[in-house]
Amino acid sequence: GFLLPPAQFEAAFVSMAHTLDDVR
């Protein structure tokens, strides 16, 4: 259920919508 960039040459981001529970 986690959509990351399809290449490791791109960055993923945490946003203001994310919580500590999301990170965990």
PDBML (XML) file of the C-alpha atoms, coordinates in Angstrom:
<?xml version="1.0" encoding="UTF-8" ?>
<PDBx:datablock datablockName="MODEL"
   xmlns:PDBx="http://pdbml.pdb.org/schema/pdbx-v50.xsd"
   xmlns:xsi="http://www.w3.org/2001/XMLSchema-instance"
   xsi:schemaLocation="http://pdbml.pdb.org/schema/pdbx-v50.xsd pdbx-v50.xsd">
   <PDBx:atom_siteCategory>
      <PDBx:atom_site id="1">
         <PDBx:B_iso_or_equiv>0.00</PDBx:B_iso_or_equiv>
         <PDBx:Cartn_x>0.000</PDBx:Cartn_x>
         <PDBx:Cartn_y>0.000</PDBx:Cartn_y>
         <PDBx:Cartn_z>0.000</PDBx:Cartn_z>
         <PDBx:auth_asym_id>A</PDBx:auth_asym_id>
         <PDBx:auth_atom_id>CA</PDBx:auth_atom_id>
         <PDBx:auth_comp_id>GLY</PDBx:auth_comp_id>
         <PDBx:auth_seq_id>1</PDBx:auth_seq_id>
         <PDBx:group_PDB>ATOM</PDBx:group_PDB>
         <PDBx:label_alt_id xsi:nil="true" />
         <PDBx:label_asym_id>A</PDBx:label_asym_id>
         <PDBx:label_atom_id>CA</PDBx:label_atom_id>
         <PDBx:label_comp_id>GLY</PDBx:label_comp_id>
         <PDBx:label_entity_id>1</PDBx:label_entity_id>
         <PDBx:label_seq_id>1</PDBx:label_seq_id>
         <PDBx:occupancy>1.00</PDBx:occupancy>
         <PDBx:pdbx_PDB_model_num>1</PDBx:pdbx_PDB_model_num>
         <PDBx:type_symbol>C</PDBx:type_symbol>
      </PDBx:atom_site>
      <PDBx:atom_site id="2">
         <PDBx:B_iso_or_equiv>0.00</PDBx:B_iso_or_equiv>
         <PDBx:Cartn_x>2.929</PDBx:Cartn_x>
         <PDBx:Cartn_y>2.406</PDBx:Cartn_y>
         <PDBx:Cartn_z>-0.281</PDBx:Cartn_z>
         <PDBx:auth_asym_id>A</PDBx:auth_asym_id>
         <PDBx:auth_atom_id>CA</PDBx:auth_atom_id>
         <PDBx:auth_comp_id>PHE</PDBx:auth_comp_id>
         <PDBx:auth_seq_id>2</PDBx:auth_seq_id>
         <PDBx:group_PDB>ATOM</PDBx:group_PDB>
         <PDBx:label_alt_id xsi:nil="true" />
         <PDBx:label_asym_id>A</PDBx:label_asym_id>
         <PDBx:label_atom_id>CA</PDBx:label_atom_id>
         <PDBx:label_comp_id>PHE</PDBx:label_comp_id>
         <PDBx:label_entity_id>1</PDBx:label_entity_id>
         <PDBx:label_seq_id>2</PDBx:label_seq_id>
         <PDBx:occupancy>1.00</PDBx:occupancy>
         <PDBx:pdbx_PDB_model_num>1</PDBx:pdbx_PDB_model_num>
         <PDBx:type_symbol>C</PDBx:type_symbol>
      </PDBx:atom_site>
      <PDBx:atom_site id="3">
         <PDBx:B_iso_or_equiv>0.00</PDBx:B_iso_or_equiv>
         <PDBx:Cartn_x>3.515</PDBx:Cartn_x>
         <PDBx:Cartn_y>4.116</PDBx:Cartn_y>
         <PDBx:Cartn_z>-3.614</PDBx:Cartn_z>
         <PDBx:auth_asym_id>A</PDBx:auth_asym_id>
         <PDBx:auth_atom_id>CA</PDBx:auth_atom_id>
         <PDBx:auth_comp_id>LEU</PDBx:auth_comp_id>
         <PDBx:auth_seq_id>3</PDBx:auth_seq_id>
         <PDBx:group_PDB>ATOM</PDBx:group_PDB>
         <PDBx:label_alt_id xsi:nil="true" />
         <PDBx:label_asym_id>A</PDBx:label_asym_id>
         <PDBx:label_atom_id>CA</PDBx:label_atom_id>
         <PDBx:label_comp_id>LEU</PDBx:label_comp_id>
         <PDBx:label_entity_id>1</PDBx:label_entity_id>
         <PDBx:label_seq_id>3</PDBx:label_seq_id>
         <PDBx:occupancy>1.00</PDBx:occupancy>
         <PDBx:pdbx_PDB_model_num>1</PDBx:pdbx_PDB_model_num>
         <PDBx:type_symbol>C</PDBx:type_symbol>
      </PDBx:atom_site>
      <PDBx:atom_site id="4">
         <PDBx:B_iso_or_equiv>0.00</PDBx:B_iso_or_equiv>
         <PDBx:Cartn_x>7.135</PDBx:Cartn_x>
         <PDBx:Cartn_y>5.232</PDBx:Cartn_y>
         <PDBx:Cartn_z>-3.980</PDBx:Cartn_z>
         <PDBx:auth_asym_id>A</PDBx:auth_asym_id>
         <PDBx:auth_atom_id>CA</PDBx:auth_atom_id>
         <PDBx:auth_comp_id>LEU</PDBx:auth_comp_id>
         <PDBx:auth_seq_id>4</PDBx:auth_seq_id>
         <PDBx:group_PDB>ATOM</PDBx:group_PDB>
         <PDBx:label_alt_id xsi:nil="true" />
         <PDBx:label_asym_id>A</PDBx:label_asym_id>
         <PDBx:label_atom_id>CA</PDBx:label_atom_id>
         <PDBx:label_comp_id>LEU</PDBx:label_comp_id>
         <PDBx:label_entity_id>1</PDBx:label_entity_id>
         <PDBx:label_seq_id>4</PDBx:label_seq_id>
         <PDBx:occupancy>1.00</PDBx:occupancy>
         <PDBx:pdbx_PDB_model_num>1</PDBx:pdbx_PDB_model_num>
         <PDBx:type_symbol>C</PDBx:type_symbol>
      </PDBx:atom_site>
      <PDBx:atom_site id="5">
         <PDBx:B_iso_or_equiv>0.00</PDBx:B_iso_or_equiv>
         <PDBx:Cartn_x>8.769</PDBx:Cartn_x>
         <PDBx:Cartn_y>6.808</PDBx:Cartn_y>
         <PDBx:Cartn_z>-7.016</PDBx:Cartn_z>
         <PDBx:auth_asym_id>A</PDBx:auth_asym_id>
         <PDBx:auth_atom_id>CA</PDBx:auth_atom_id>
         <PDBx:auth_comp_id>PRO</PDBx:auth_comp_id>
         <PDBx:auth_seq_id>5</PDBx:auth_seq_id>
         <PDBx:group_PDB>ATOM</PDBx:group_PDB>
         <PDBx:label_alt_id xsi:nil="true" />
         <PDBx:label_asym_id>A</PDBx:label_asym_id>
         <PDBx:label_atom_id>CA</PDBx:label_atom_id>
         <PDBx:label_comp_id>PRO</PDBx:label_comp_id>
         <PDBx:label_entity_id>1</PDBx:label_entity_id>
         <PDBx:label_seq_id>5</PDBx:label_seq_id>
         <PDBx:occupancy>1.00</PDBx:occupancy>
         <PDBx:pdbx_PDB_model_num>1</PDBx:pdbx_PDB_model_num>
         <PDBx:type_symbol>C</PDBx:type_symbol>
      </PDBx:atom_site>
      <PDBx:atom_site id="6">
         <PDBx:B_iso_or_equiv>0.00</PDBx:B_iso_or_equiv>
         <PDBx:Cartn_x>9.441</PDBx:Cartn_x>
         <PDBx:Cartn_y>4.004</PDBx:Cartn_y>
         <PDBx:Cartn_z>-9.523</PDBx:Cartn_z>
         <PDBx:auth_asym_id>A</PDBx:auth_asym_id>
         <PDBx:auth_atom_id>CA</PDBx:auth_atom_id>
         <PDBx:auth_comp_id>PRO</PDBx:auth_comp_id>
         <PDBx:auth_seq_id>6</PDBx:auth_seq_id>
         <PDBx:group_PDB>ATOM</PDBx:group_PDB>
         <PDBx:label_alt_id xsi:nil="true" />
         <PDBx:label_asym_id>A</PDBx:label_asym_id>
         <PDBx:label_atom_id>CA</PDBx:label_atom_id>
         <PDBx:label_comp_id>PRO</PDBx:label_comp_id>
         <PDBx:label_entity_id>1</PDBx:label_entity_id>
         <PDBx:label_seq_id>6</PDBx:label_seq_id>
         <PDBx:occupancy>1.00</PDBx:occupancy>
         <PDBx:pdbx_PDB_model_num>1</PDBx:pdbx_PDB_model_num>
         <PDBx:type_symbol>C</PDBx:type_symbol>
      </PDBx:atom_site>
      <PDBx:atom_site id="7">
         <PDBx:B_iso_or_equiv>0.00</PDBx:B_iso_or_equiv>
         <PDBx:Cartn_x>13.150</PDBx:Cartn_x>
         <PDBx:Cartn_y>4.901</PDBx:Cartn_y>
         <PDBx:Cartn_z>-9.725</PDBx:Cartn_z>
         <PDBx:auth_asym_id>A</PDBx:auth_asym_id>
         <PDBx:auth_atom_id>CA</PDBx:auth_atom_id>
         <PDBx:auth_comp_id>ALA</PDBx:auth_comp_id>
         <PDBx:auth_seq_id>7</PDBx:auth_seq_id>
         <PDBx:group_PDB>ATOM</PDBx:group_PDB>
         <PDBx:label_alt_id xsi:nil="true" />
         <PDBx:label_asym_id>A</PDBx:label_asym_id>
         <PDBx:label_atom_id>CA</PDBx:label_atom_id>
         <PDBx:label_comp_id>ALA</PDBx:label_comp_id>
         <PDBx:label_entity_id>1</PDBx:label_entity_id>
         <PDBx:label_seq_id>7</PDBx:label_seq_id>
         <PDBx:occupancy>1.00</PDBx:occupancy>
         <PDBx:pdbx_PDB_model_num>1</PDBx:pdbx_PDB_model_num>
         <PDBx:type_symbol>C</PDBx:type_symbol>
      </PDBx:atom_site>
      <PDBx:atom_site id="8">
         <PDBx:B_iso_or_equiv>0.00</PDBx:B_iso_or_equiv>
         <PDBx:Cartn_x>15.606</PDBx:Cartn_x>
         <PDBx:Cartn_y>5.467</PDBx:Cartn_y>
         <PDBx:Cartn_z>-6.922</PDBx:Cartn_z>
         <PDBx:auth_asym_id>A</PDBx:auth_asym_id>
         <PDBx:auth_atom_id>CA</PDBx:auth_atom_id>
         <PDBx:auth_comp_id>GLN</PDBx:auth_comp_id>
         <PDBx:auth_seq_id>8</PDBx:auth_seq_id>
         <PDBx:group_PDB>ATOM</PDBx:group_PDB>
         <PDBx:label_alt_id xsi:nil="true" />
         <PDBx:label_asym_id>A</PDBx:label_asym_id>
         <PDBx:label_atom_id>CA</PDBx:label_atom_id>
         <PDBx:label_comp_id>GLN</PDBx:label_comp_id>
         <PDBx:label_entity_id>1</PDBx:label_entity_id>
         <PDBx:label_seq_id>8</PDBx:label_seq_id>
         <PDBx:occupancy>1.00</PDBx:occupancy>
         <PDBx:pdbx_PDB_model_num>1</PDBx:pdbx_PDB_model_num>
         <PDBx:type_symbol>C</PDBx:type_symbol>
      </PDBx:atom_site>
      <PDBx:atom_site id="9">
         <PDBx:B_iso_or_equiv>0.00</PDBx:B_iso_or_equiv>
         <PDBx:Cartn_x>16.802</PDBx:Cartn_x>
         <PDBx:Cartn_y>8.603</PDBx:Cartn_y>
         <PDBx:Cartn_z>-8.733</PDBx:Cartn_z>
         <PDBx:auth_asym_id>A</PDBx:auth_asym_id>
         <PDBx:auth_atom_id>CA</PDBx:auth_atom_id>
         <PDBx:auth_comp_id>PHE</PDBx:auth_comp_id>
         <PDBx:auth_seq_id>9</PDBx:auth_seq_id>
         <PDBx:group_PDB>ATOM</PDBx:group_PDB>
         <PDBx:label_alt_id xsi:nil="true" />
         <PDBx:label_asym_id>A</PDBx:label_asym_id>
         <PDBx:label_atom_id>CA</PDBx:label_atom_id>
         <PDBx:label_comp_id>PHE</PDBx:label_comp_id>
         <PDBx:label_entity_id>1</PDBx:label_entity_id>
         <PDBx:label_seq_id>9</PDBx:label_seq_id>
         <PDBx:occupancy>1.00</PDBx:occupancy>
         <PDBx:pdbx_PDB_model_num>1</PDBx:pdbx_PDB_model_num>
         <PDBx:type_symbol>C</PDBx:type_symbol>
      </PDBx:atom_site>
      <PDBx:atom_site id="10">
         <PDBx:B_iso_or_equiv>0.00</PDBx:B_iso_or_equiv>
         <PDBx:Cartn_x>13.628</PDBx:Cartn_x>
         <PDBx:Cartn_y>10.381</PDBx:Cartn_y>
         <PDBx:Cartn_z>-7.646</PDBx:Cartn_z>
         <PDBx:auth_asym_id>A</PDBx:auth_asym_id>
         <PDBx:auth_atom_id>CA</PDBx:auth_atom_id>
         <PDBx:auth_comp_id>GLU</PDBx:auth_comp_id>
         <PDBx:auth_seq_id>10</PDBx:auth_seq_id>
         <PDBx:group_PDB>ATOM</PDBx:group_PDB>
         <PDBx:label_alt_id xsi:nil="true" />
         <PDBx:label_asym_id>A</PDBx:label_asym_id>
         <PDBx:label_atom_id>CA</PDBx:label_atom_id>
         <PDBx:label_comp_id>GLU</PDBx:label_comp_id>
         <PDBx:label_entity_id>1</PDBx:label_entity_id>
         <PDBx:label_seq_id>10</PDBx:label_seq_id>
         <PDBx:occupancy>1.00</PDBx:occupancy>
         <PDBx:pdbx_PDB_model_num>1</PDBx:pdbx_PDB_model_num>
         <PDBx:type_symbol>C</PDBx:type_symbol>
      </PDBx:atom_site>
      <PDBx:atom_site id="11">
         <PDBx:B_iso_or_equiv>0.00</PDBx:B_iso_or_equiv>
         <PDBx:Cartn_x>12.650</PDBx:Cartn_x>
         <PDBx:Cartn_y>11.394</PDBx:Cartn_y>
         <PDBx:Cartn_z>-4.131</PDBx:Cartn_z>
         <PDBx:auth_asym_id>A</PDBx:auth_asym_id>
         <PDBx:auth_atom_id>CA</PDBx:auth_atom_id>
         <PDBx:auth_comp_id>ALA</PDBx:auth_comp_id>
         <PDBx:auth_seq_id>11</PDBx:auth_seq_id>
         <PDBx:group_PDB>ATOM</PDBx:group_PDB>
         <PDBx:label_alt_id xsi:nil="true" />
         <PDBx:label_asym_id>A</PDBx:label_asym_id>
         <PDBx:label_atom_id>CA</PDBx:label_atom_id>
         <PDBx:label_comp_id>ALA</PDBx:label_comp_id>
         <PDBx:label_entity_id>1</PDBx:label_entity_id>
         <PDBx:label_seq_id>11</PDBx:label_seq_id>
         <PDBx:occupancy>1.00</PDBx:occupancy>
         <PDBx:pdbx_PDB_model_num>1</PDBx:pdbx_PDB_model_num>
         <PDBx:type_symbol>C</PDBx:type_symbol>
      </PDBx:atom_site>
      <PDBx:atom_site id="12">
         <PDBx:B_iso_or_equiv>0.00</PDBx:B_iso_or_equiv>
         <PDBx:Cartn_x>9.708</PDBx:Cartn_x>
         <PDBx:Cartn_y>10.405</PDBx:Cartn_y>
         <PDBx:Cartn_z>-1.988</PDBx:Cartn_z>
         <PDBx:auth_asym_id>A</PDBx:auth_asym_id>
         <PDBx:auth_atom_id>CA</PDBx:auth_atom_id>
         <PDBx:auth_comp_id>ALA</PDBx:auth_comp_id>
         <PDBx:auth_seq_id>12</PDBx:auth_seq_id>
         <PDBx:group_PDB>ATOM</PDBx:group_PDB>
         <PDBx:label_alt_id xsi:nil="true" />
         <PDBx:label_asym_id>A</PDBx:label_asym_id>
         <PDBx:label_atom_id>CA</PDBx:label_atom_id>
         <PDBx:label_comp_id>ALA</PDBx:label_comp_id>
         <PDBx:label_entity_id>1</PDBx:label_entity_id>
         <PDBx:label_seq_id>12</PDBx:label_seq_id>
         <PDBx:occupancy>1.00</PDBx:occupancy>
         <PDBx:pdbx_PDB_model_num>1</PDBx:pdbx_PDB_model_num>
         <PDBx:type_symbol>C</PDBx:type_symbol>
      </PDBx:atom_site>
      <PDBx:atom_site id="13">
         <PDBx:B_iso_or_equiv>0.00</PDBx:B_iso_or_equiv>
         <PDBx:Cartn_x>8.278</PDBx:Cartn_x>
         <PDBx:Cartn_y>12.935</PDBx:Cartn_y>
         <PDBx:Cartn_z>0.451</PDBx:Cartn_z>
         <PDBx:auth_asym_id>A</PDBx:auth_asym_id>
         <PDBx:auth_atom_id>CA</PDBx:auth_atom_id>
         <PDBx:auth_comp_id>PHE</PDBx:auth_comp_id>
         <PDBx:auth_seq_id>13</PDBx:auth_seq_id>
         <PDBx:group_PDB>ATOM</PDBx:group_PDB>
         <PDBx:label_alt_id xsi:nil="true" />
         <PDBx:label_asym_id>A</PDBx:label_asym_id>
         <PDBx:label_atom_id>CA</PDBx:label_atom_id>
         <PDBx:label_comp_id>PHE</PDBx:label_comp_id>
         <PDBx:label_entity_id>1</PDBx:label_entity_id>
         <PDBx:label_seq_id>13</PDBx:label_seq_id>
         <PDBx:occupancy>1.00</PDBx:occupancy>
         <PDBx:pdbx_PDB_model_num>1</PDBx:pdbx_PDB_model_num>
         <PDBx:type_symbol>C</PDBx:type_symbol>
      </PDBx:atom_site>
      <PDBx:atom_site id="14">
         <PDBx:B_iso_or_equiv>0.00</PDBx:B_iso_or_equiv>
         <PDBx:Cartn_x>6.516</PDBx:Cartn_x>
         <PDBx:Cartn_y>13.117</PDBx:Cartn_y>
         <PDBx:Cartn_z>3.757</PDBx:Cartn_z>
         <PDBx:auth_asym_id>A</PDBx:auth_asym_id>
         <PDBx:auth_atom_id>CA</PDBx:auth_atom_id>
         <PDBx:auth_comp_id>VAL</PDBx:auth_comp_id>
         <PDBx:auth_seq_id>14</PDBx:auth_seq_id>
         <PDBx:group_PDB>ATOM</PDBx:group_PDB>
         <PDBx:label_alt_id xsi:nil="true" />
         <PDBx:label_asym_id>A</PDBx:label_asym_id>
         <PDBx:label_atom_id>CA</PDBx:label_atom_id>
         <PDBx:label_comp_id>VAL</PDBx:label_comp_id>
         <PDBx:label_entity_id>1</PDBx:label_entity_id>
         <PDBx:label_seq_id>14</PDBx:label_seq_id>
         <PDBx:occupancy>1.00</PDBx:occupancy>
         <PDBx:pdbx_PDB_model_num>1</PDBx:pdbx_PDB_model_num>
         <PDBx:type_symbol>C</PDBx:type_symbol>
      </PDBx:atom_site>
      <PDBx:atom_site id="15">
         <PDBx:B_iso_or_equiv>0.00</PDBx:B_iso_or_equiv>
         <PDBx:Cartn_x>3.940</PDBx:Cartn_x>
         <PDBx:Cartn_y>15.889</PDBx:Cartn_y>
         <PDBx:Cartn_z>3.869</PDBx:Cartn_z>
         <PDBx:auth_asym_id>A</PDBx:auth_asym_id>
         <PDBx:auth_atom_id>CA</PDBx:auth_atom_id>
         <PDBx:auth_comp_id>SER</PDBx:auth_comp_id>
         <PDBx:auth_seq_id>15</PDBx:auth_seq_id>
         <PDBx:group_PDB>ATOM</PDBx:group_PDB>
         <PDBx:label_alt_id xsi:nil="true" />
         <PDBx:label_asym_id>A</PDBx:label_asym_id>
         <PDBx:label_atom_id>CA</PDBx:label_atom_id>
         <PDBx:label_comp_id>SER</PDBx:label_comp_id>
         <PDBx:label_entity_id>1</PDBx:label_entity_id>
         <PDBx:label_seq_id>15</PDBx:label_seq_id>
         <PDBx:occupancy>1.00</PDBx:occupancy>
         <PDBx:pdbx_PDB_model_num>1</PDBx:pdbx_PDB_model_num>
         <PDBx:type_symbol>C</PDBx:type_symbol>
      </PDBx:atom_site>
      <PDBx:atom_site id="16">
         <PDBx:B_iso_or_equiv>0.00</PDBx:B_iso_or_equiv>
         <PDBx:Cartn_x>1.804</PDBx:Cartn_x>
         <PDBx:Cartn_y>17.775</PDBx:Cartn_y>
         <PDBx:Cartn_z>6.355</PDBx:Cartn_z>
         <PDBx:auth_asym_id>A</PDBx:auth_asym_id>
         <PDBx:auth_atom_id>CA</PDBx:auth_atom_id>
         <PDBx:auth_comp_id>MET</PDBx:auth_comp_id>
         <PDBx:auth_seq_id>16</PDBx:auth_seq_id>
         <PDBx:group_PDB>ATOM</PDBx:group_PDB>
         <PDBx:label_alt_id xsi:nil="true" />
         <PDBx:label_asym_id>A</PDBx:label_asym_id>
         <PDBx:label_atom_id>CA</PDBx:label_atom_id>
         <PDBx:label_comp_id>MET</PDBx:label_comp_id>
         <PDBx:label_entity_id>1</PDBx:label_entity_id>
         <PDBx:label_seq_id>16</PDBx:label_seq_id>
         <PDBx:occupancy>1.00</PDBx:occupancy>
         <PDBx:pdbx_PDB_model_num>1</PDBx:pdbx_PDB_model_num>
         <PDBx:type_symbol>C</PDBx:type_symbol>
      </PDBx:atom_site>
      <PDBx:atom_site id="17">
         <PDBx:B_iso_or_equiv>0.00</PDBx:B_iso_or_equiv>
         <PDBx:Cartn_x>-0.898</PDBx:Cartn_x>
         <PDBx:Cartn_y>15.165</PDBx:Cartn_y>
         <PDBx:Cartn_z>5.714</PDBx:Cartn_z>
         <PDBx:auth_asym_id>A</PDBx:auth_asym_id>
         <PDBx:auth_atom_id>CA</PDBx:auth_atom_id>
         <PDBx:auth_comp_id>ALA</PDBx:auth_comp_id>
         <PDBx:auth_seq_id>17</PDBx:auth_seq_id>
         <PDBx:group_PDB>ATOM</PDBx:group_PDB>
         <PDBx:label_alt_id xsi:nil="true" />
         <PDBx:label_asym_id>A</PDBx:label_asym_id>
         <PDBx:label_atom_id>CA</PDBx:label_atom_id>
         <PDBx:label_comp_id>ALA</PDBx:label_comp_id>
         <PDBx:label_entity_id>1</PDBx:label_entity_id>
         <PDBx:label_seq_id>17</PDBx:label_seq_id>
         <PDBx:occupancy>1.00</PDBx:occupancy>
         <PDBx:pdbx_PDB_model_num>1</PDBx:pdbx_PDB_model_num>
         <PDBx:type_symbol>C</PDBx:type_symbol>
      </PDBx:atom_site>
      <PDBx:atom_site id="18">
         <PDBx:B_iso_or_equiv>0.00</PDBx:B_iso_or_equiv>
         <PDBx:Cartn_x>1.328</PDBx:Cartn_x>
         <PDBx:Cartn_y>12.410</PDBx:Cartn_y>
         <PDBx:Cartn_z>7.143</PDBx:Cartn_z>
         <PDBx:auth_asym_id>A</PDBx:auth_asym_id>
         <PDBx:auth_atom_id>CA</PDBx:auth_atom_id>
         <PDBx:auth_comp_id>HIS</PDBx:auth_comp_id>
         <PDBx:auth_seq_id>18</PDBx:auth_seq_id>
         <PDBx:group_PDB>ATOM</PDBx:group_PDB>
         <PDBx:label_alt_id xsi:nil="true" />
         <PDBx:label_asym_id>A</PDBx:label_asym_id>
         <PDBx:label_atom_id>CA</PDBx:label_atom_id>
         <PDBx:label_comp_id>HIS</PDBx:label_comp_id>
         <PDBx:label_entity_id>1</PDBx:label_entity_id>
         <PDBx:label_seq_id>18</PDBx:label_seq_id>
         <PDBx:occupancy>1.00</PDBx:occupancy>
         <PDBx:pdbx_PDB_model_num>1</PDBx:pdbx_PDB_model_num>
         <PDBx:type_symbol>C</PDBx:type_symbol>
      </PDBx:atom_site>
      <PDBx:atom_site id="19">
         <PDBx:B_iso_or_equiv>0.00</PDBx:B_iso_or_equiv>
         <PDBx:Cartn_x>1.448</PDBx:Cartn_x>
         <PDBx:Cartn_y>11.456</PDBx:Cartn_y>
         <PDBx:Cartn_z>10.794</PDBx:Cartn_z>
         <PDBx:auth_asym_id>A</PDBx:auth_asym_id>
         <PDBx:auth_atom_id>CA</PDBx:auth_atom_id>
         <PDBx:auth_comp_id>THR</PDBx:auth_comp_id>
         <PDBx:auth_seq_id>19</PDBx:auth_seq_id>
         <PDBx:group_PDB>ATOM</PDBx:group_PDB>
         <PDBx:label_alt_id xsi:nil="true" />
         <PDBx:label_asym_id>A</PDBx:label_asym_id>
         <PDBx:label_atom_id>CA</PDBx:label_atom_id>
         <PDBx:label_comp_id>THR</PDBx:label_comp_id>
         <PDBx:label_entity_id>1</PDBx:label_entity_id>
         <PDBx:label_seq_id>19</PDBx:label_seq_id>
         <PDBx:occupancy>1.00</PDBx:occupancy>
         <PDBx:pdbx_PDB_model_num>1</PDBx:pdbx_PDB_model_num>
         <PDBx:type_symbol>C</PDBx:type_symbol>
      </PDBx:atom_site>
      <PDBx:atom_site id="20">
         <PDBx:B_iso_or_equiv>0.00</PDBx:B_iso_or_equiv>
         <PDBx:Cartn_x>3.901</PDBx:Cartn_x>
         <PDBx:Cartn_y>9.602</PDBx:Cartn_y>
         <PDBx:Cartn_z>12.993</PDBx:Cartn_z>
         <PDBx:auth_asym_id>A</PDBx:auth_asym_id>
         <PDBx:auth_atom_id>CA</PDBx:auth_atom_id>
         <PDBx:auth_comp_id>LEU</PDBx:auth_comp_id>
         <PDBx:auth_seq_id>20</PDBx:auth_seq_id>
         <PDBx:group_PDB>ATOM</PDBx:group_PDB>
         <PDBx:label_alt_id xsi:nil="true" />
         <PDBx:label_asym_id>A</PDBx:label_asym_id>
         <PDBx:label_atom_id>CA</PDBx:label_atom_id>
         <PDBx:label_comp_id>LEU</PDBx:label_comp_id>
         <PDBx:label_entity_id>1</PDBx:label_entity_id>
         <PDBx:label_seq_id>20</PDBx:label_seq_id>
         <PDBx:occupancy>1.00</PDBx:occupancy>
         <PDBx:pdbx_PDB_model_num>1</PDBx:pdbx_PDB_model_num>
         <PDBx:type_symbol>C</PDBx:type_symbol>
      </PDBx:atom_site>
      <PDBx:atom_site id="21">
         <PDBx:B_iso_or_equiv>0.00</PDBx:B_iso_or_equiv>
         <PDBx:Cartn_x>1.617</PDBx:Cartn_x>
         <PDBx:Cartn_y>6.565</PDBx:Cartn_y>
         <PDBx:Cartn_z>12.648</PDBx:Cartn_z>
         <PDBx:auth_asym_id>A</PDBx:auth_asym_id>
         <PDBx:auth_atom_id>CA</PDBx:auth_atom_id>
         <PDBx:auth_comp_id>ASP</PDBx:auth_comp_id>
         <PDBx:auth_seq_id>21</PDBx:auth_seq_id>
         <PDBx:group_PDB>ATOM</PDBx:group_PDB>
         <PDBx:label_alt_id xsi:nil="true" />
         <PDBx:label_asym_id>A</PDBx:label_asym_id>
         <PDBx:label_atom_id>CA</PDBx:label_atom_id>
         <PDBx:label_comp_id>ASP</PDBx:label_comp_id>
         <PDBx:label_entity_id>1</PDBx:label_entity_id>
         <PDBx:label_seq_id>21</PDBx:label_seq_id>
         <PDBx:occupancy>1.00</PDBx:occupancy>
         <PDBx:pdbx_PDB_model_num>1</PDBx:pdbx_PDB_model_num>
         <PDBx:type_symbol>C</PDBx:type_symbol>
      </PDBx:atom_site>
      <PDBx:atom_site id="22">
         <PDBx:B_iso_or_equiv>0.00</PDBx:B_iso_or_equiv>
         <PDBx:Cartn_x>1.991</PDBx:Cartn_x>
         <PDBx:Cartn_y>6.793</PDBx:Cartn_y>
         <PDBx:Cartn_z>8.853</PDBx:Cartn_z>
         <PDBx:auth_asym_id>A</PDBx:auth_asym_id>
         <PDBx:auth_atom_id>CA</PDBx:auth_atom_id>
         <PDBx:auth_comp_id>ASP</PDBx:auth_comp_id>
         <PDBx:auth_seq_id>22</PDBx:auth_seq_id>
         <PDBx:group_PDB>ATOM</PDBx:group_PDB>
         <PDBx:label_alt_id xsi:nil="true" />
         <PDBx:label_asym_id>A</PDBx:label_asym_id>
         <PDBx:label_atom_id>CA</PDBx:label_atom_id>
         <PDBx:label_comp_id>ASP</PDBx:label_comp_id>
         <PDBx:label_entity_id>1</PDBx:label_entity_id>
         <PDBx:label_seq_id>22</PDBx:label_seq_id>
         <PDBx:occupancy>1.00</PDBx:occupancy>
         <PDBx:pdbx_PDB_model_num>1</PDBx:pdbx_PDB_model_num>
         <PDBx:type_symbol>C</PDBx:type_symbol>
      </PDBx:atom_site>
      <PDBx:atom_site id="23">
         <PDBx:B_iso_or_equiv>0.00</PDBx:B_iso_or_equiv>
         <PDBx:Cartn_x>5.782</PDBx:Cartn_x>
         <PDBx:Cartn_y>6.840</PDBx:Cartn_y>
         <PDBx:Cartn_z>9.205</PDBx:Cartn_z>
         <PDBx:auth_asym_id>A</PDBx:auth_asym_id>
         <PDBx:auth_atom_id>CA</PDBx:auth_atom_id>
         <PDBx:auth_comp_id>VAL</PDBx:auth_comp_id>
         <PDBx:auth_seq_id>23</PDBx:auth_seq_id>
         <PDBx:group_PDB>ATOM</PDBx:group_PDB>
         <PDBx:label_alt_id xsi:nil="true" />
         <PDBx:label_asym_id>A</PDBx:label_asym_id>
         <PDBx:label_atom_id>CA</PDBx:label_atom_id>
         <PDBx:label_comp_id>VAL</PDBx:label_comp_id>
         <PDBx:label_entity_id>1</PDBx:label_entity_id>
         <PDBx:label_seq_id>23</PDBx:label_seq_id>
         <PDBx:occupancy>1.00</PDBx:occupancy>
         <PDBx:pdbx_PDB_model_num>1</PDBx:pdbx_PDB_model_num>
         <PDBx:type_symbol>C</PDBx:type_symbol>
      </PDBx:atom_site>
      <PDBx:atom_site id="24">
         <PDBx:B_iso_or_equiv>0.00</PDBx:B_iso_or_equiv>
         <PDBx:Cartn_x>5.651</PDBx:Cartn_x>
         <PDBx:Cartn_y>3.833</PDBx:Cartn_y>
         <PDBx:Cartn_z>11.534</PDBx:Cartn_z>
         <PDBx:auth_asym_id>A</PDBx:auth_asym_id>
         <PDBx:auth_atom_id>CA</PDBx:auth_atom_id>
         <PDBx:auth_comp_id>ARG</PDBx:auth_comp_id>
         <PDBx:auth_seq_id>24</PDBx:auth_seq_id>
         <PDBx:group_PDB>ATOM</PDBx:group_PDB>
         <PDBx:label_alt_id xsi:nil="true" />
         <PDBx:label_asym_id>A</PDBx:label_asym_id>
         <PDBx:label_atom_id>CA</PDBx:label_atom_id>
         <PDBx:label_comp_id>ARG</PDBx:label_comp_id>
         <PDBx:label_entity_id>1</PDBx:label_entity_id>
         <PDBx:label_seq_id>24</PDBx:label_seq_id>
         <PDBx:occupancy>1.00</PDBx:occupancy>
         <PDBx:pdbx_PDB_model_num>1</PDBx:pdbx_PDB_model_num>
         <PDBx:type_symbol>C</PDBx:type_symbol>
      </PDBx:atom_site>
   </PDBx:atom_siteCategory>
</PDBx:datablock>
